[in-house]
Amino acid sequence: MALVGRREGRNFGYGRQLSYAGPQALKDMFAGGHFATVKAHSDRWQAFVRWCRSEDGPSYNDARQIDRQTLRDYAAYLRQQIQQGELCIATAQNRLSSVNRTLEALRGDQDVRIASPSQALGLQRSSVRTRAPDGQDRQQVRRVLEALGKQHHERVAAIVLLARTTGMRLRETILADLPRLHREAEHLGRINIQDGTKGGRSGASAPRWIEANEAVKATLQLARHASPPGSRNLLARDESYAALLQRTVLPARETLHEHGLKGFHELRAAYACERYEQLTGHAAPINGGHCYRIDRDLDQQARQQISLELGHSRIDVVSAYIGGSA
């Protein structure tokens, strides 16, 4: 638990800024260990803090002001984000759970919390995709890229292409070490996605290799061109990940929506569907393919490979990208 005697004062004694207080309280709660868990909760807490400071939020900067109604309002906001296609249900539920955990760390009790994130959202998460992902049509992606180019959103265009051609998560596209990936693509013919990965995974201890075909090589060239001077990734040297999201990436989502692309995560699913067809010779289940009926072993092998390429440790998660196998 958090240190005894740190309950008085702003943010229960953890400093003047809500964004700083949450991670510090989590570090106390986990006694300086469980780095990946603390990082995951802290990232989701920052999303809550951004909402608090936004026009939709209550403008709080002190955790003592947060009550159950604040959390109900946040749940309503997340529910709206889901309905608009900005968030998936699982992400929203995880954000509520992390807010619960962080408030517990700050307060030292569980008096202010959302008892059931799924009930608060009024939605049940599903692990099986029921709608074909946007972005499978290369012409649609090209139109999005052209529109982003006209708006001088070169970095967002790079994000779109990296997600579509390599299956990277949004965070991974932004933090990818582009010079290293370029060297690997040229000398090894494949790239190892390490930077910005989920759950604290990093380095060659958990290799996640992606074949570097000509499309991947061209994408890396475009991303390196879009990278700010002196940077190895898509962040400027004095720019934070959160700042790029807020000032550049989120506003550009409107352009994606105008061209029928619900979000960046759809491009990851489009990549998975394409890989399934390459590996099996059959369309992904969500696109009407029936490989799982014709050759179940081949279907399972493809799902296992795609699971590795997407950075998941469980094969069943792949159904959320390509559809079920029953």
C-alpha atoms as a PDB file:
ATOM      1  CA  MET A   1       0.000   0.000   0.000  1.00  0.00           C
ATOM      2  CA  ALA A   2       0.977   3.649  -0.293  1.00  0.00           C
ATOM      3  CA  LEU A   3       3.129   5.169   2.395  1.00  0.00           C
ATOM      4  CA  VAL A   4       1.393   5.885   5.695  1.00  0.00           C
ATOM      5  CA  GLY A   5       1.020   9.558   6.563  1.00  0.00           C
ATOM      6  CA  ARG A   6       0.796  10.922   3.002  1.00  0.00           C
ATOM      7  CA  ARG A   7      -2.939  11.549   3.022  1.00  0.00           C
ATOM      8  CA  GLU A   8      -3.051  15.250   3.835  1.00  0.00           C
ATOM      9  CA  GLY A   9      -2.812  18.066   1.336  1.00  0.00           C
ATOM     10  CA  ARG A  10      -3.336  18.431  -2.373  1.00  0.00           C
ATOM     11  CA  ASN A  11      -3.548  15.130  -4.249  1.00  0.00           C
ATOM     12  CA  PHE A  12      -3.342  13.341  -0.897  1.00  0.00           C
ATOM     13  CA  GLY A  13       0.214  14.526  -0.415  1.00  0.00           C
ATOM     14  CA  TYR A  14       1.542  13.409  -3.796  1.00  0.00           C
ATOM     15  CA  GLY A  15       2.220  16.837  -5.281  1.00  0.00           C
ATOM     16  CA  ARG A  16       0.418  19.684  -7.000  1.00  0.00           C
ATOM     17  CA  GLN A  17      -0.235  18.026 -10.362  1.00  0.00           C
ATOM     18  CA  LEU A  18      -2.812  15.287 -10.858  1.00  0.00           C
ATOM     19  CA  SER A  19      -0.734  13.870 -13.706  1.00  0.00           C
ATOM     20  CA  TYR A  20       2.299  13.495 -11.417  1.00  0.00           C
ATOM     21  CA  ALA A  21       0.459  12.307  -8.313  1.00  0.00           C
ATOM     22  CA  GLY A  22      -1.114   9.196  -9.839  1.00  0.00           C
ATOM     23  CA  PRO A  23       2.104   7.509 -11.031  1.00  0.00           C
ATOM     24  CA  GLN A  24       3.881   8.367  -7.762  1.00  0.00           C
ATOM     25  CA  ALA A  25       1.110   6.780  -5.723  1.00  0.00           C
ATOM     26  CA  LEU A  26       1.205   3.687  -7.941  1.00  0.00           C
ATOM     27  CA  LYS A  27       4.964   3.365  -7.426  1.00  0.00           C
ATOM     28  CA  ASP A  28       4.359   3.444  -3.667  1.00  0.00           C
ATOM     29  CA  MET A  29       1.545   0.909  -3.922  1.00  0.00           C
ATOM     30  CA  PHE A  30       3.711  -1.531  -5.866  1.00  0.00           C
ATOM     31  CA  ALA A  31       6.790  -0.792  -3.738  1.00  0.00           C
ATOM     32  CA  GLY A  32       8.898   0.240  -6.703  1.00  0.00           C
ATOM     33  CA  GLY A  33       8.335  -3.038  -8.562  1.00  0.00           C
ATOM     34  CA  HIS A  34       5.916  -4.350 -11.203  1.00  0.00           C
ATOM     35  CA  PHE A  35       7.198  -1.784 -13.686  1.00  0.00           C
ATOM     36  CA  ALA A  36       4.989  -2.884 -16.581  1.00  0.00           C
ATOM     37  CA  THR A  37       1.856  -2.791 -14.412  1.00  0.00           C
ATOM     38  CA  VAL A  38       2.692   0.655 -13.031  1.00  0.00           C
ATOM     39  CA  LYS A  39       3.415   1.896 -16.564  1.00  0.00           C
ATOM     40  CA  ALA A  40       0.109   0.558 -17.940  1.00  0.00           C
ATOM     41  CA  HIS A  41      -1.946   2.068 -15.094  1.00  0.00           C
ATOM     42  CA  SER A  42      -0.034   5.355 -15.359  1.00  0.00           C
ATOM     43  CA  ASP A  43      -0.635   5.672 -19.101  1.00  0.00           C
ATOM     44  CA  ARG A  44      -4.377   5.121 -18.643  1.00  0.00           C
ATOM     45  CA  TRP A  45      -4.407   7.536 -15.707  1.00  0.00           C
ATOM     46  CA  GLN A  46      -2.925  10.208 -17.982  1.00  0.00           C
ATOM     47  CA  ALA A  47      -5.853   9.689 -20.381  1.00  0.00           C
ATOM     48  CA  PHE A  48      -8.188  10.343 -17.434  1.00  0.00           C
ATOM     49  CA  VAL A  49      -6.204  13.457 -16.468  1.00  0.00           C
ATOM     50  CA  ARG A  50      -6.450  14.792 -20.035  1.00  0.00           C
ATOM     51  CA  TRP A  51     -10.218  14.316 -19.885  1.00  0.00           C
ATOM     52  CA  CYS A  52     -10.356  16.115 -16.513  1.00  0.00           C
ATOM     53  CA  ARG A  53      -8.609  19.111 -18.083  1.00  0.00           C
ATOM     54  CA  SER A  54     -10.633  19.095 -21.305  1.00  0.00           C
ATOM     55  CA  GLU A  55     -13.862  20.931 -22.091  1.00  0.00           C
ATOM     56  CA  ASP A  56     -15.754  17.672 -21.472  1.00  0.00           C
ATOM     57  CA  GLY A  57     -14.169  17.202 -18.044  1.00  0.00           C
ATOM     58  CA  PRO A  58     -14.530  18.904 -14.646  1.00  0.00           C
ATOM     59  CA  SER A  59     -11.204  20.868 -14.821  1.00  0.00           C
ATOM     60  CA  TYR A  60      -9.886  19.153 -11.689  1.00  0.00           C
ATOM     61  CA  ASN A  61      -6.195  19.033 -10.784  1.00  0.00           C
ATOM     62  CA  ASP A  62      -6.619  17.626  -7.284  1.00  0.00           C
ATOM     63  CA  ALA A  63      -7.587  13.998  -6.640  1.00  0.00           C
ATOM     64  CA  ARG A  64      -9.508  15.081  -3.528  1.00  0.00           C
ATOM     65  CA  GLN A  65     -12.122  16.625  -5.836  1.00  0.00           C
ATOM     66  CA  ILE A  66     -12.803  13.336  -7.646  1.00  0.00           C
ATOM     67  CA  ASP A  67     -15.973  11.599  -6.471  1.00  0.00           C
ATOM     68  CA  ARG A  68     -18.237   8.839  -7.776  1.00  0.00           C
ATOM     69  CA  GLN A  69     -20.107  11.284 -10.015  1.00  0.00           C
ATOM     70  CA  THR A  70     -16.813  12.271 -11.649  1.00  0.00           C
ATOM     71  CA  LEU A  71     -16.200   8.625 -12.495  1.00  0.00           C
ATOM     72  CA  ARG A  72     -19.751   8.188 -13.823  1.00  0.00           C
ATOM     73  CA  ASP A  73     -19.213  11.224 -16.049  1.00  0.00           C
ATOM     74  CA  TYR A  74     -15.923   9.771 -17.287  1.00  0.00           C
ATOM     75  CA  ALA A  75     -17.634   6.453 -18.031  1.00  0.00           C
ATOM     76  CA  ALA A  76     -20.283   8.331 -20.038  1.00  0.00           C
ATOM     77  CA  TYR A  77     -17.533  10.091 -21.985  1.00  0.00           C
ATOM     78  CA  LEU A  78     -15.809   6.776 -22.750  1.00  0.00           C
ATOM     79  CA  ARG A  79     -19.125   5.259 -23.812  1.00  0.00           C
ATOM     80  CA  GLN A  80     -19.553   8.116 -26.279  1.00  0.00           C
ATOM     81  CA  GLN A  81     -16.014   7.535 -27.582  1.00  0.00           C
ATOM     82  CA  ILE A  82     -16.843   3.875 -28.198  1.00  0.00           C
ATOM     83  CA  GLN A  83     -20.028   4.756 -30.050  1.00  0.00           C
ATOM     84  CA  GLN A  84     -18.087   7.192 -32.248  1.00  0.00           C
ATOM     85  CA  GLY A  85     -15.504   4.530 -33.061  1.00  0.00           C
ATOM     86  CA  GLU A  86     -12.678   6.307 -31.213  1.00  0.00           C
ATOM     87  CA  LEU A  87     -12.144   3.529 -28.652  1.00  0.00           C
ATOM     88  CA  CYS A  88     -12.729  -0.196 -28.457  1.00  0.00           C
ATOM     89  CA  ILE A  89     -14.689  -1.556 -25.480  1.00  0.00           C
ATOM     90  CA  ALA A  90     -11.682  -3.336 -23.995  1.00  0.00           C
ATOM     91  CA  THR A  91      -9.611  -0.143 -23.949  1.00  0.00           C
ATOM     92  CA  ALA A  92     -12.398   1.793 -22.242  1.00  0.00           C
ATOM     93  CA  GLN A  93     -12.839  -0.896 -19.591  1.00  0.00           C
ATOM     94  CA  ASN A  94      -9.093  -0.971 -18.958  1.00  0.00           C
ATOM     95  CA  ARG A  95      -9.056   2.809 -18.533  1.00  0.00           C
ATOM     96  CA  LEU A  96     -11.797   2.678 -15.914  1.00  0.00           C
ATOM     97  CA  SER A  97     -10.051  -0.172 -14.098  1.00  0.00           C
ATOM     98  CA  SER A  98      -6.783   1.774 -14.007  1.00  0.00           C
ATOM     99  CA  VAL A  99      -8.535   4.870 -12.669  1.00  0.00           C
ATOM    100  CA  ASN A 100      -9.979   2.683  -9.903  1.00  0.00           C
ATOM    101  CA  ARG A 101      -6.534   1.322  -9.064  1.00  0.00           C
ATOM    102  CA  THR A 102      -4.819   4.711  -9.147  1.00  0.00           C
ATOM    103  CA  LEU A 103      -7.445   6.343  -6.935  1.00  0.00           C
ATOM    104  CA  GLU A 104      -7.024   3.467  -4.490  1.00  0.00           C
ATOM    105  CA  ALA A 105      -3.272   4.145  -4.464  1.00  0.00           C
ATOM    106  CA  LEU A 106      -3.797   7.869  -3.904  1.00  0.00           C
ATOM    107  CA  ARG A 107      -6.552   7.621  -1.298  1.00  0.00           C
ATOM    108  CA  GLY A 108      -5.497   4.475   0.527  1.00  0.00           C
ATOM    109  CA  ASP A 109      -9.054   3.136   0.303  1.00  0.00           C
ATOM    110  CA  GLN A 110     -11.656   1.978  -2.232  1.00  0.00           C
ATOM    111  CA  ASP A 111     -14.379   4.469  -1.332  1.00  0.00           C
ATOM    112  CA  VAL A 112     -14.353   6.185  -4.739  1.00  0.00           C
ATOM    113  CA  ARG A 113     -14.450   3.703  -7.597  1.00  0.00           C
ATOM    114  CA  ILE A 114     -16.507   2.251 -10.445  1.00  0.00           C
ATOM    115  CA  ALA A 115     -17.715  -1.079  -9.092  1.00  0.00           C
ATOM    116  CA  SER A 116     -18.160  -2.661 -12.527  1.00  0.00           C
ATOM    117  CA  PRO A 117     -16.507  -0.994 -15.547  1.00  0.00           C
ATOM    118  CA  SER A 118     -18.504  -3.149 -17.979  1.00  0.00           C
ATOM    119  CA  GLN A 119     -21.827  -2.192 -16.370  1.00  0.00           C
ATOM    120  CA  ALA A 120     -20.803   1.466 -16.182  1.00  0.00           C
ATOM    121  CA  LEU A 121     -20.126   1.454 -19.912  1.00  0.00           C
ATOM    122  CA  GLY A 122     -23.326  -0.448 -20.629  1.00  0.00           C
ATOM    123  CA  LEU A 123     -21.401  -2.537 -23.153  1.00  0.00           C
ATOM    124  CA  GLN A 124     -19.838  -5.973 -23.147  1.00  0.00           C
ATOM    125  CA  ARG A 125     -16.423  -6.487 -24.655  1.00  0.00           C
ATOM    126  CA  SER A 126     -16.225  -9.053 -27.414  1.00  0.00           C
ATOM    127  CA  SER A 127     -13.142 -10.991 -28.384  1.00  0.00           C
ATOM    128  CA  VAL A 128     -14.464 -11.897 -31.840  1.00  0.00           C
ATOM    129  CA  ARG A 129     -14.614  -9.361 -34.682  1.00  0.00           C
ATOM    130  CA  THR A 130     -17.996  -9.174 -36.392  1.00  0.00           C
ATOM    131  CA  ARG A 131     -17.233  -6.391 -38.885  1.00  0.00           C
ATOM    132  CA  ALA A 132     -14.615  -6.391 -41.643  1.00  0.00           C
ATOM    133  CA  PRO A 133     -11.861  -3.893 -40.789  1.00  0.00           C
ATOM    134  CA  ASP A 134     -11.469  -0.617 -42.623  1.00  0.00           C
ATOM    135  CA  GLY A 135      -8.245  -0.021 -44.507  1.00  0.00           C
ATOM    136  CA  GLN A 136      -8.054  -3.332 -46.345  1.00  0.00           C
ATOM    137  CA  ASP A 137      -8.576  -1.475 -49.620  1.00  0.00           C
ATOM    138  CA  ARG A 138      -5.205  -0.004 -50.598  1.00  0.00           C
ATOM    139  CA  GLN A 139      -6.968   2.678 -52.653  1.00  0.00           C
ATOM    140  CA  GLN A 140      -8.800   3.850 -49.541  1.00  0.00           C
ATOM    141  CA  VAL A 141      -5.488   4.083 -47.670  1.00  0.00           C
ATOM    142  CA  ARG A 142      -3.941   5.993 -50.587  1.00  0.00           C
ATOM    143  CA  ARG A 143      -6.776   8.541 -50.490  1.00  0.00           C
ATOM    144  CA  VAL A 144      -6.231   9.014 -46.761  1.00  0.00           C
ATOM    145  CA  LEU A 145      -2.500   9.539 -47.330  1.00  0.00           C
ATOM    146  CA  GLU A 146      -3.136  12.102 -50.066  1.00  0.00           C
ATOM    147  CA  ALA A 147      -5.516  14.043 -47.829  1.00  0.00           C
ATOM    148  CA  LEU A 148      -3.042  13.995 -44.932  1.00  0.00           C
ATOM    149  CA  GLY A 149      -0.297  15.190 -47.273  1.00  0.00           C
ATOM    150  CA  LYS A 150      -2.369  18.171 -48.377  1.00  0.00           C
ATOM    151  CA  GLN A 151      -2.811  19.077 -44.701  1.00  0.00           C
ATOM    152  CA  HIS A 152       0.936  18.725 -44.060  1.00  0.00           C
ATOM    153  CA  HIS A 153       0.358  15.807 -41.686  1.00  0.00           C
ATOM    154  CA  GLU A 154       3.384  13.850 -42.904  1.00  0.00           C
ATOM    155  CA  ARG A 155       3.936  12.192 -39.529  1.00  0.00           C
ATOM    156  CA  VAL A 156       0.333  10.998 -39.324  1.00  0.00           C
ATOM    157  CA  ALA A 157       0.662   9.641 -42.866  1.00  0.00           C
ATOM    158  CA  ALA A 158       3.713   7.698 -41.681  1.00  0.00           C
ATOM    159  CA  ILE A 159       1.711   6.358 -38.725  1.00  0.00           C
ATOM    160  CA  VAL A 160      -1.046   5.183 -41.079  1.00  0.00           C
ATOM    161  CA  LEU A 161       1.390   3.379 -43.365  1.00  0.00           C
ATOM    162  CA  LEU A 162       3.379   1.790 -40.530  1.00  0.00           C
ATOM    163  CA  ALA A 163       0.187   0.442 -38.960  1.00  0.00           C
ATOM    164  CA  ARG A 164      -1.082  -0.889 -42.292  1.00  0.00           C
ATOM    165  CA  THR A 165       2.124  -2.485 -43.557  1.00  0.00           C
ATOM    166  CA  THR A 166       3.585  -3.828 -40.276  1.00  0.00           C
ATOM    167  CA  GLY A 167       0.596  -4.161 -37.906  1.00  0.00           C
ATOM    168  CA  MET A 168       2.158  -1.870 -35.303  1.00  0.00           C
ATOM    169  CA  ARG A 169       0.083  -0.319 -32.547  1.00  0.00           C
ATOM    170  CA  LEU A 170      -0.290   3.473 -32.574  1.00  0.00           C
ATOM    171  CA  ARG A 171       2.280   3.907 -29.811  1.00  0.00           C
ATOM    172  CA  GLU A 172       4.693   1.588 -31.597  1.00  0.00           C
ATOM    173  CA  THR A 173       4.494   3.539 -34.860  1.00  0.00           C
ATOM    174  CA  ILE A 174       5.367   6.775 -33.059  1.00  0.00           C
ATOM    175  CA  LEU A 175       8.235   5.416 -30.941  1.00  0.00           C
ATOM    176  CA  ALA A 176       9.762   3.007 -33.481  1.00  0.00           C
ATOM    177  CA  ASP A 177      13.549   3.358 -33.873  1.00  0.00           C
ATOM    178  CA  LEU A 178      13.442   4.103 -37.602  1.00  0.00           C
ATOM    179  CA  PRO A 179      17.184   3.970 -38.405  1.00  0.00           C
ATOM    180  CA  ARG A 180      17.463   0.553 -36.714  1.00  0.00           C
ATOM    181  CA  LEU A 181      14.405  -0.797 -38.534  1.00  0.00           C
ATOM    182  CA  HIS A 182      15.807   0.502 -41.828  1.00  0.00           C
ATOM    183  CA  ARG A 183      19.122  -1.306 -41.233  1.00  0.00           C
ATOM    184  CA  GLU A 184      17.345  -4.529 -40.322  1.00  0.00           C
ATOM    185  CA  ALA A 185      15.110  -4.322 -43.380  1.00  0.00           C
ATOM    186  CA  GLU A 186      18.071  -3.795 -45.721  1.00  0.00           C
ATOM    187  CA  HIS A 187      20.470  -6.324 -44.176  1.00  0.00           C
ATOM    188  CA  LEU A 188      18.166  -8.975 -42.682  1.00  0.00           C
ATOM    189  CA  GLY A 189      15.011  -8.697 -44.776  1.00  0.00           C
ATOM    190  CA  ARG A 190      12.916  -8.442 -41.633  1.00  0.00           C
ATOM    191  CA  ILE A 191      12.397  -6.016 -38.742  1.00  0.00           C
ATOM    192  CA  ASN A 192      12.065  -6.544 -35.000  1.00  0.00           C
ATOM    193  CA  ILE A 193       9.395  -4.368 -33.394  1.00  0.00           C
ATOM    194  CA  GLN A 194      10.664  -3.413 -29.937  1.00  0.00           C
ATOM    195  CA  ASP A 195       9.969   0.263 -29.186  1.00  0.00           C
ATOM    196  CA  GLY A 196       6.730   1.409 -27.558  1.00  0.00           C
ATOM    197  CA  THR A 197       5.455  -2.134 -27.179  1.00  0.00           C
ATOM    198  CA  LYS A 198       2.703  -3.069 -24.762  1.00  0.00           C
ATOM    199  CA  GLY A 199       3.395  -4.442 -21.300  1.00  0.00           C
ATOM    200  CA  GLY A 200       6.978  -3.285 -20.944  1.00  0.00           C
ATOM    201  CA  ARG A 201       8.247  -5.795 -23.496  1.00  0.00           C
ATOM    202  CA  SER A 202      11.510  -4.680 -25.038  1.00  0.00           C
ATOM    203  CA  GLY A 203      14.703  -5.866 -26.607  1.00  0.00           C
ATOM    204  CA  ALA A 204      15.610  -9.087 -28.348  1.00  0.00           C
ATOM    205  CA  SER A 205      14.505 -11.106 -25.317  1.00  0.00           C
ATOM    206  CA  ALA A 206      11.023 -11.073 -26.871  1.00  0.00           C
ATOM    207  CA  PRO A 207      11.606 -10.895 -30.627  1.00  0.00           C
ATOM    208  CA  ARG A 208       8.717  -9.830 -32.807  1.00  0.00           C
ATOM    209  CA  TRP A 209       9.915 -10.170 -36.360  1.00  0.00           C
ATOM    210  CA  ILE A 210       8.015  -8.862 -39.381  1.00  0.00           C
ATOM    211  CA  GLU A 211       9.010  -9.672 -42.960  1.00  0.00           C
ATOM    212  CA  ALA A 212      10.385  -6.555 -44.647  1.00  0.00           C
ATOM    213  CA  ASN A 213       8.955  -6.731 -48.164  1.00  0.00           C
ATOM    214  CA  GLU A 214       9.160  -3.833 -50.602  1.00  0.00           C
ATOM    215  CA  ALA A 215       6.040  -2.190 -49.121  1.00  0.00           C
ATOM    216  CA  VAL A 216       7.595  -2.243 -45.635  1.00  0.00           C
ATOM    217  CA  LYS A 217      10.885  -0.822 -46.934  1.00  0.00           C
ATOM    218  CA  ALA A 218       9.057   1.988 -48.748  1.00  0.00           C
ATOM    219  CA  THR A 219       7.057   2.737 -45.598  1.00  0.00           C
ATOM    220  CA  LEU A 220      10.217   2.984 -43.505  1.00  0.00           C
ATOM    221  CA  GLN A 221      11.705   5.396 -46.038  1.00  0.00           C
ATOM    222  CA  LEU A 222       8.611   7.601 -45.850  1.00  0.00           C
ATOM    223  CA  ALA A 223       8.630   7.471 -42.033  1.00  0.00           C
ATOM    224  CA  ARG A 224      12.318   8.437 -41.874  1.00  0.00           C
ATOM    225  CA  HIS A 225      11.591  11.364 -44.189  1.00  0.00           C
ATOM    226  CA  ALA A 226       8.716  12.456 -41.896  1.00  0.00           C
ATOM    227  CA  SER A 227      10.838  12.091 -38.753  1.00  0.00           C
ATOM    228  CA  PRO A 228      11.782  15.497 -37.246  1.00  0.00           C
ATOM    229  CA  PRO A 229      15.436  16.618 -37.511  1.00  0.00           C
ATOM    230  CA  GLY A 230      17.713  14.918 -34.981  1.00  0.00           C
ATOM    231  CA  SER A 231      15.090  12.330 -34.008  1.00  0.00           C
ATOM    232  CA  ARG A 232      15.191   8.559 -34.407  1.00  0.00           C
ATOM    233  CA  ASN A 233      11.378   8.268 -34.334  1.00  0.00           C
ATOM    234  CA  LEU A 234       8.332  10.390 -35.131  1.00  0.00           C
ATOM    235  CA  LEU A 235       8.675  12.605 -32.051  1.00  0.00           C
ATOM    236  CA  ALA A 236      10.538  15.894 -32.157  1.00  0.00           C
ATOM    237  CA  ARG A 237      13.437  15.982 -29.689  1.00  0.00           C
ATOM    238  CA  ASP A 238      11.569  18.326 -27.314  1.00  0.00           C
ATOM    239  CA  GLU A 239       8.134  16.730 -27.830  1.00  0.00           C
ATOM    240  CA  SER A 240       6.353  14.231 -25.597  1.00  0.00           C
ATOM    241  CA  TYR A 241       4.295  11.309 -26.832  1.00  0.00           C
ATOM    242  CA  ALA A 242       1.181  12.814 -25.225  1.00  0.00           C
ATOM    243  CA  ALA A 243       1.776  16.165 -26.917  1.00  0.00           C
ATOM    244  CA  LEU A 244       2.016  14.588 -30.366  1.00  0.00           C
ATOM    245  CA  LEU A 245      -1.217  12.692 -29.754  1.00  0.00           C
ATOM    246  CA  GLN A 246      -3.110  15.718 -28.513  1.00  0.00           C
ATOM    247  CA  ARG A 247      -1.866  18.350 -30.978  1.00  0.00           C
ATOM    248  CA  THR A 248      -1.356  16.343 -34.151  1.00  0.00           C
ATOM    249  CA  VAL A 249      -2.692  12.782 -34.180  1.00  0.00           C
ATOM    250  CA  LEU A 250      -6.122  13.287 -32.622  1.00  0.00           C
ATOM    251  CA  PRO A 251      -7.073  16.279 -34.834  1.00  0.00           C
ATOM    252  CA  ALA A 252      -6.045  14.251 -37.899  1.00  0.00           C
ATOM    253  CA  ARG A 253      -8.539  11.503 -37.009  1.00  0.00           C
ATOM    254  CA  GLU A 254     -11.242  13.591 -38.664  1.00  0.00           C
ATOM    255  CA  THR A 255      -9.485  13.092 -41.986  1.00  0.00           C
ATOM    256  CA  LEU A 256      -9.478   9.329 -41.430  1.00  0.00           C
ATOM    257  CA  HIS A 257     -13.196   9.405 -40.661  1.00  0.00           C
ATOM    258  CA  GLU A 258     -13.946  11.461 -43.758  1.00  0.00           C
ATOM    259  CA  HIS A 259     -12.444   8.669 -45.854  1.00  0.00           C
ATOM    260  CA  GLY A 260     -14.260   5.828 -44.096  1.00  0.00           C
ATOM    261  CA  LEU A 261     -11.454   4.789 -41.761  1.00  0.00           C
ATOM    262  CA  LYS A 262     -12.739   4.405 -38.217  1.00  0.00           C
ATOM    263  CA  GLY A 263      -9.357   4.576 -36.530  1.00  0.00           C
ATOM    264  CA  PHE A 264      -5.715   3.535 -36.510  1.00  0.00           C
ATOM    265  CA  HIS A 265      -6.491   0.191 -34.867  1.00  0.00           C
ATOM    266  CA  GLU A 266      -8.491  -0.780 -37.953  1.00  0.00           C
ATOM    267  CA  LEU A 267      -5.273  -0.673 -39.975  1.00  0.00           C
ATOM    268  CA  ARG A 268      -3.717  -3.201 -37.608  1.00  0.00           C
ATOM    269  CA  ALA A 269      -6.691  -5.489 -38.183  1.00  0.00           C
ATOM    270  CA  ALA A 270      -6.409  -4.949 -41.946  1.00  0.00           C
ATOM    271  CA  TYR A 271      -2.768  -6.055 -41.720  1.00  0.00           C
ATOM    272  CA  ALA A 272      -3.818  -9.186 -39.816  1.00  0.00           C
ATOM    273  CA  CYS A 273      -6.435 -10.080 -42.445  1.00  0.00           C
ATOM    274  CA  GLU A 274      -3.894  -9.635 -45.224  1.00  0.00           C
ATOM    275  CA  ARG A 275      -1.344 -11.804 -43.408  1.00  0.00           C
ATOM    276  CA  TYR A 276      -3.929 -14.517 -42.841  1.00  0.00           C
ATOM    277  CA  GLU A 277      -4.609 -14.684 -46.573  1.00  0.00           C
ATOM    278  CA  GLN A 278      -0.884 -14.759 -47.339  1.00  0.00           C
ATOM    279  CA  LEU A 279      -0.258 -17.565 -44.846  1.00  0.00           C
ATOM    280  CA  THR A 280      -3.253 -19.766 -45.701  1.00  0.00           C
ATOM    281  CA  GLY A 281      -4.230 -18.880 -49.255  1.00  0.00           C
ATOM    282  CA  HIS A 282      -7.755 -18.232 -47.947  1.00  0.00           C
ATOM    283  CA  ALA A 283      -9.563 -15.004 -47.090  1.00  0.00           C
ATOM    284  CA  ALA A 284      -9.769 -14.143 -43.398  1.00  0.00           C
ATOM    285  CA  PRO A 285     -12.935 -15.455 -41.716  1.00  0.00           C
ATOM    286  CA  ILE A 286     -14.303 -11.912 -41.366  1.00  0.00           C
ATOM    287  CA  ASN A 287     -13.961 -11.602 -45.157  1.00  0.00           C
ATOM    288  CA  GLY A 288     -15.869 -14.821 -45.808  1.00  0.00           C
ATOM    289  CA  GLY A 289     -13.002 -17.325 -45.731  1.00  0.00           C
ATOM    290  CA  HIS A 290     -13.517 -20.854 -44.362  1.00  0.00           C
ATOM    291  CA  CYS A 291      -9.980 -22.177 -43.912  1.00  0.00           C
ATOM    292  CA  TYR A 292     -10.811 -23.119 -40.325  1.00  0.00           C
ATOM    293  CA  ARG A 293     -13.297 -25.639 -41.734  1.00  0.00           C
ATOM    294  CA  ILE A 294     -11.110 -26.876 -44.592  1.00  0.00           C
ATOM    295  CA  ASP A 295      -7.766 -27.135 -42.766  1.00  0.00           C
ATOM    296  CA  ARG A 296      -8.001 -26.355 -39.074  1.00  0.00           C
ATOM    297  CA  ASP A 297      -4.295 -26.983 -38.464  1.00  0.00           C
ATOM    298  CA  LEU A 298      -3.350 -24.423 -41.122  1.00  0.00           C
ATOM    299  CA  ASP A 299      -5.828 -21.954 -39.633  1.00  0.00           C
ATOM    300  CA  GLN A 300      -4.303 -22.377 -36.167  1.00  0.00           C
ATOM    301  CA  GLN A 301      -0.739 -22.065 -37.491  1.00  0.00           C
ATOM    302  CA  ALA A 302      -1.633 -18.801 -39.229  1.00  0.00           C
ATOM    303  CA  ARG A 303      -3.302 -17.452 -36.089  1.00  0.00           C
ATOM    304  CA  GLN A 304      -0.243 -18.353 -34.030  1.00  0.00           C
ATOM    305  CA  GLN A 305       2.052 -16.531 -36.460  1.00  0.00           C
ATOM    306  CA  ILE A 306      -0.191 -13.455 -36.605  1.00  0.00           C
ATOM    307  CA  SER A 307      -0.401 -13.432 -32.803  1.00  0.00           C
ATOM    308  CA  LEU A 308       3.396 -13.212 -32.635  1.00  0.00           C
ATOM    309  CA  GLU A 309       3.586 -10.499 -35.294  1.00  0.00           C
ATOM    310  CA  LEU A 310       0.964  -8.377 -33.522  1.00  0.00           C
ATOM    311  CA  GLY A 311       2.758  -8.695 -30.190  1.00  0.00           C
ATOM    312  CA  HIS A 312       0.189 -10.833 -28.392  1.00  0.00           C
ATOM    313  CA  SER A 313       0.953 -13.839 -26.254  1.00  0.00           C
ATOM    314  CA  ARG A 314      -2.414 -15.535 -26.795  1.00  0.00           C
ATOM    315  CA  ILE A 315      -3.693 -16.992 -30.056  1.00  0.00           C
ATOM    316  CA  ASP A 316      -7.362 -16.395 -29.161  1.00  0.00           C
ATOM    317  CA  VAL A 317      -6.813 -12.611 -29.301  1.00  0.00           C
ATOM    318  CA  VAL A 318      -6.390 -12.872 -33.084  1.00  0.00           C
ATOM    319  CA  SER A 319     -10.149 -13.433 -33.463  1.00  0.00           C
ATOM    320  CA  ALA A 320     -10.606  -9.766 -32.566  1.00  0.00           C
ATOM    321  CA  TYR A 321      -8.699  -8.899 -35.759  1.00  0.00           C
ATOM    322  CA  ILE A 322      -9.649 -11.522 -38.348  1.00  0.00           C
ATOM    323  CA  GLY A 323     -12.858 -13.118 -37.028  1.00  0.00           C
ATOM    324  CA  GLY A 324     -13.651 -16.361 -35.233  1.00  0.00           C
ATOM    325  CA  SER A 325     -12.864 -19.963 -36.066  1.00  0.00           C
ATOM    326  CA  ALA A 326     -16.127 -21.675 -35.218  1.00  0.00           C
END
